[in-house]
C-alpha atoms as a PDB file:
ATOM      1  CA  UNK A   1     105.796 112.336  96.700  1.00  0.00           C
ATOM      2  CA  UNK A   2     104.091 109.512  97.573  1.00  0.00           C
ATOM      3  CA  UNK A   3     100.562 110.498  98.986  1.00  0.00           C
ATOM      4  CA  UNK A   4      98.919 109.367 102.007  1.00  0.00           C
ATOM      5  CA  UNK A   5      97.790 105.743 101.628  1.00  0.00           C
ATOM      6  CA  UNK A   6      94.221 105.400 101.048  1.00  0.00           C
ATOM      7  CA  UNK A   7      91.306 103.534 101.892  1.00  0.00           C
ATOM      8  CA  UNK A   8      90.636 101.195  99.656  1.00  0.00           C
ATOM      9  CA  UNK A   9      93.485  99.594  97.556  1.00  0.00           C
ATOM     10  CA  UNK A  10      94.026 101.448  94.088  1.00  0.00           C
ATOM     11  CA  UNK A  11      94.295  97.629  92.721  1.00  0.00           C
ATOM     12  CA  UNK A  12      90.677  97.192  93.719  1.00  0.00           C
ATOM     13  CA  UNK A  13      91.656  94.388  95.741  1.00  0.00           C
ATOM     14  CA  UNK A  14      89.817  95.683  98.858  1.00  0.00           C
ATOM     15  CA  UNK A  15      90.776  97.663 101.571  1.00  0.00           C
ATOM     16  CA  UNK A  16      94.568  98.710 101.695  1.00  0.00           C
ATOM     17  CA  UNK A  17      95.988  98.088 104.682  1.00  0.00           C
ATOM     18  CA  UNK A  18      94.502  94.708 103.823  1.00  0.00           C
ATOM     19  CA  UNK A  19      96.166  94.121 100.052  1.00  0.00           C
ATOM     20  CA  UNK A  20      98.548  95.905  98.618  1.00  0.00           C
ATOM     21  CA  UNK A  21      99.628  98.377 101.411  1.00  0.00           C
ATOM     22  CA  UNK A  22     100.889  95.168 103.800  1.00  0.00           C
ATOM     23  CA  UNK A  23     103.746  95.023 101.019  1.00  0.00           C
ATOM     24  CA  UNK A  24     104.395  98.535 100.661  1.00  0.00           C
ATOM     25  CA  UNK A  25     104.222  99.714 104.501  1.00  0.00           C
ATOM     26  CA  UNK A  26     107.754  98.566 106.602  1.00  0.00           C
ATOM     27  CA  UNK A  27     106.398  97.848 110.060  1.00  0.00           C
ATOM     28  CA  UNK A  28     109.748  97.666 112.040  1.00  0.00           C
ATOM     29  CA  UNK A  29     111.523  96.133 108.575  1.00  0.00           C
ATOM     30  CA  UNK A  30     109.064  93.444 108.303  1.00  0.00           C
ATOM     31  CA  UNK A  31     107.295  94.011 105.198  1.00  0.00           C
ATOM     32  CA  UNK A  32     105.202  91.008 103.598  1.00  0.00           C
ATOM     33  CA  UNK A  33     105.820  89.493  99.974  1.00  0.00           C
ATOM     34  CA  UNK A  34     103.866  88.677  97.609  1.00  0.00           C
ATOM     35  CA  UNK A  35     103.111  85.080  97.387  1.00  0.00           C
ATOM     36  CA  UNK A  36     102.656  85.291  93.523  1.00  0.00           C
ATOM     37  CA  UNK A  37     102.706  87.028  89.950  1.00  0.00           C
ATOM     38  CA  UNK A  38      99.870  88.615  90.441  1.00  0.00           C
ATOM     39  CA  UNK A  39      99.939  90.192  94.226  1.00  0.00           C
ATOM     40  CA  UNK A  40     103.258  91.755  93.050  1.00  0.00           C
ATOM     41  CA  UNK A  41     101.636  92.831  89.628  1.00  0.00           C
ATOM     42  CA  UNK A  42      98.929  94.158  91.974  1.00  0.00           C
ATOM     43  CA  UNK A  43     100.981  95.928  94.325  1.00  0.00           C
ATOM     44  CA  UNK A  44     103.202  97.128  91.338  1.00  0.00           C
ATOM     45  CA  UNK A  45     100.154  98.694  89.787  1.00  0.00           C
ATOM     46  CA  UNK A  46      98.982 100.478  93.862  1.00  0.00           C
ATOM     47  CA  UNK A  47     102.647 101.804  94.131  1.00  0.00           C
ATOM     48  CA  UNK A  48     102.620 103.695  90.569  1.00  0.00           C
ATOM     49  CA  UNK A  49      99.289 104.774  91.508  1.00  0.00           C
ATOM     50  CA  UNK A  50     100.737 106.231  94.799  1.00  0.00           C
ATOM     51  CA  UNK A  51     103.728 107.215  93.361  1.00  0.00           C
ATOM     52  CA  UNK A  52     106.004 104.575  95.527  1.00  0.00           C
ATOM     53  CA  UNK A  53     108.992 104.913  93.638  1.00  0.00           C
ATOM     54  CA  UNK A  54     111.222 103.043  96.069  1.00  0.00           C
ATOM     55  CA  UNK A  55     108.763 100.120  96.205  1.00  0.00           C
ATOM     56  CA  UNK A  56     108.858  99.670  91.951  1.00  0.00           C
ATOM     57  CA  UNK A  57     112.828 100.177  91.903  1.00  0.00           C
ATOM     58  CA  UNK A  58     113.348  97.287  94.971  1.00  0.00           C
ATOM     59  CA  UNK A  59     110.853  94.581  93.090  1.00  0.00           C
ATOM     60  CA  UNK A  60     112.216  94.889  90.107  1.00  0.00           C
ATOM     61  CA  UNK A  61     114.904  92.498  88.973  1.00  0.00           C
ATOM     62  CA  UNK A  62     118.477  93.483  88.947  1.00  0.00           C
ATOM     63  CA  UNK A  63     118.870  92.295  85.573  1.00  0.00           C
ATOM     64  CA  UNK A  64     116.558  94.645  83.945  1.00  0.00           C
ATOM     65  CA  UNK A  65     115.939  97.152  86.862  1.00  0.00           C
ATOM     66  CA  UNK A  66     116.803 101.233  85.301  1.00  0.00           C
ATOM     67  CA  UNK A  67     119.117 103.288  87.570  1.00  0.00           C
ATOM     68  CA  UNK A  68     116.329 105.929  88.276  1.00  0.00           C
ATOM     69  CA  UNK A  69     112.599 106.169  87.575  1.00  0.00           C
ATOM     70  CA  UNK A  70     111.080 108.856  87.562  1.00  0.00           C
ATOM     71  CA  UNK A  71     107.331 109.558  88.180  1.00  0.00           C
ATOM     72  CA  UNK A  72     106.919 113.299  87.406  1.00  0.00           C
ATOM     73  CA  UNK A  73     104.551 112.554  83.933  1.00  0.00           C
ATOM     74  CA  UNK A  74     102.683 109.754  85.841  1.00  0.00           C
ATOM     75  CA  UNK A  75      99.390 109.835  84.955  1.00  0.00           C
ATOM     76  CA  UNK A  76      96.265 109.272  87.624  1.00  0.00           C
ATOM     77  CA  UNK A  77      96.000 105.079  87.314  1.00  0.00           C
ATOM     78  CA  UNK A  78      92.142 104.842  87.458  1.00  0.00           C
ATOM     79  CA  UNK A  79      91.646 100.798  87.294  1.00  0.00           C
ATOM     80  CA  UNK A  80      93.154  97.551  86.642  1.00  0.00           C
ATOM     81  CA  UNK A  81      92.265  94.638  85.090  1.00  0.00           C
ATOM     82  CA  UNK A  82      93.478  91.204  85.455  1.00  0.00           C
ATOM     83  CA  UNK A  83      93.177  89.414  82.039  1.00  0.00           C
ATOM     84  CA  UNK A  84      95.225  86.233  82.799  1.00  0.00           C
ATOM     85  CA  UNK A  85      98.052  84.839  85.432  1.00  0.00           C
ATOM     86  CA  UNK A  86      99.756  81.991  85.588  1.00  0.00           C
ATOM     87  CA  UNK A  87     102.756  80.557  87.351  1.00  0.00           C
ATOM     88  CA  UNK A  88     104.855  77.389  86.646  1.00  0.00           C
ATOM     89  CA  UNK A  89     107.697  77.215  88.797  1.00  0.00           C
ATOM     90  CA  UNK A  90     109.751  80.004  89.589  1.00  0.00           C
ATOM     91  CA  UNK A  91     108.680  81.983  86.483  1.00  0.00           C
ATOM     92  CA  UNK A  92     105.258  83.748  86.088  1.00  0.00           C
ATOM     93  CA  UNK A  93     103.067  86.226  83.877  1.00  0.00           C
ATOM     94  CA  UNK A  94     100.507  88.326  83.899  1.00  0.00           C
ATOM     95  CA  UNK A  95      98.214  89.852  81.375  1.00  0.00           C
ATOM     96  CA  UNK A  96      96.550  93.228  82.551  1.00  0.00           C
ATOM     97  CA  UNK A  97      95.096  96.131  81.695  1.00  0.00           C
ATOM     98  CA  UNK A  98      95.625  99.454  83.530  1.00  0.00           C
ATOM     99  CA  UNK A  99      93.187 102.269  82.551  1.00  0.00           C
ATOM    100  CA  UNK A 100      94.721 106.155  83.240  1.00  0.00           C
ATOM    101  CA  UNK A 101      92.939 109.488  83.033  1.00  0.00           C
ATOM    102  CA  UNK A 102      95.106 112.432  81.758  1.00  0.00           C
ATOM    103  CA  UNK A 103      93.180 115.752  81.721  1.00  0.00           C
ATOM    104  CA  UNK A 104      89.212 114.300  80.646  1.00  0.00           C
ATOM    105  CA  UNK A 105      91.059 111.685  78.733  1.00  0.00           C
ATOM    106  CA  UNK A 106      90.911 107.811  79.688  1.00  0.00           C
ATOM    107  CA  UNK A 107      93.047 105.712  78.301  1.00  0.00           C
ATOM    108  CA  UNK A 108      94.434 102.256  78.520  1.00  0.00           C
ATOM    109  CA  UNK A 109      97.760 100.038  78.732  1.00  0.00           C
ATOM    110  CA  UNK A 110      97.938  96.537  78.124  1.00  0.00           C
ATOM    111  CA  UNK A 111     100.906  94.153  78.919  1.00  0.00           C
ATOM    112  CA  UNK A 112     101.893  91.151  79.741  1.00  0.00           C
ATOM    113  CA  UNK A 113     104.722  90.703  82.540  1.00  0.00           C
ATOM    114  CA  UNK A 114     106.782  88.521  83.043  1.00  0.00           C
ATOM    115  CA  UNK A 115     107.916  87.408  86.648  1.00  0.00           C
ATOM    116  CA  UNK A 116     110.931  85.446  88.115  1.00  0.00           C
ATOM    117  CA  UNK A 117     111.189  84.096  91.867  1.00  0.00           C
ATOM    118  CA  UNK A 118     114.830  84.287  93.028  1.00  0.00           C
ATOM    119  CA  UNK A 119     115.385  82.989  96.991  1.00  0.00           C
ATOM    120  CA  UNK A 120     111.624  83.059  97.814  1.00  0.00           C
ATOM    121  CA  UNK A 121     111.048  86.460  96.271  1.00  0.00           C
ATOM    122  CA  UNK A 122     108.831  88.000  92.995  1.00  0.00           C
ATOM    123  CA  UNK A 123     110.303  89.625  91.061  1.00  0.00           C
ATOM    124  CA  UNK A 124     109.219  92.103  87.509  1.00  0.00           C
ATOM    125  CA  UNK A 125     111.670  91.041  84.769  1.00  0.00           C
ATOM    126  CA  UNK A 126     110.243  92.429  81.841  1.00  0.00           C
ATOM    127  CA  UNK A 127     107.237  92.803  79.608  1.00  0.00           C
ATOM    128  CA  UNK A 128     105.625  93.411  76.274  1.00  0.00           C
ATOM    129  CA  UNK A 129     103.143  95.561  75.288  1.00  0.00           C
ATOM    130  CA  UNK A 130      99.752  94.813  73.795  1.00  0.00           C
ATOM    131  CA  UNK A 131      98.512  96.360  71.078  1.00  0.00           C
END
């Protein structure tokens, strides 16, 4: 179940409502769309942090999207670090590190995510986990 919207954005980009919240929140059916792979990556990280399963599925490209997404064991996401992002035409990549907490331990997930733009909208396509 999603948690109450925070004041600060989980991705570290400022106020939630002006950062990722504008992509997550549906105001009269008019949600803003991320304009770059990095914006989509940040909004997806924040969606993981807030338990927004539907947003994650809706921003996943249909060719690689799972039928369901279970966030039951979702850790507490504590920090996002963008290492690099690039975009060429309708293709994009974001290299990031996401830090999470499980109990008293802090872990890190590092990934190179690929994105594709179709019909004016960015989608998460796939990822390569990095050591």
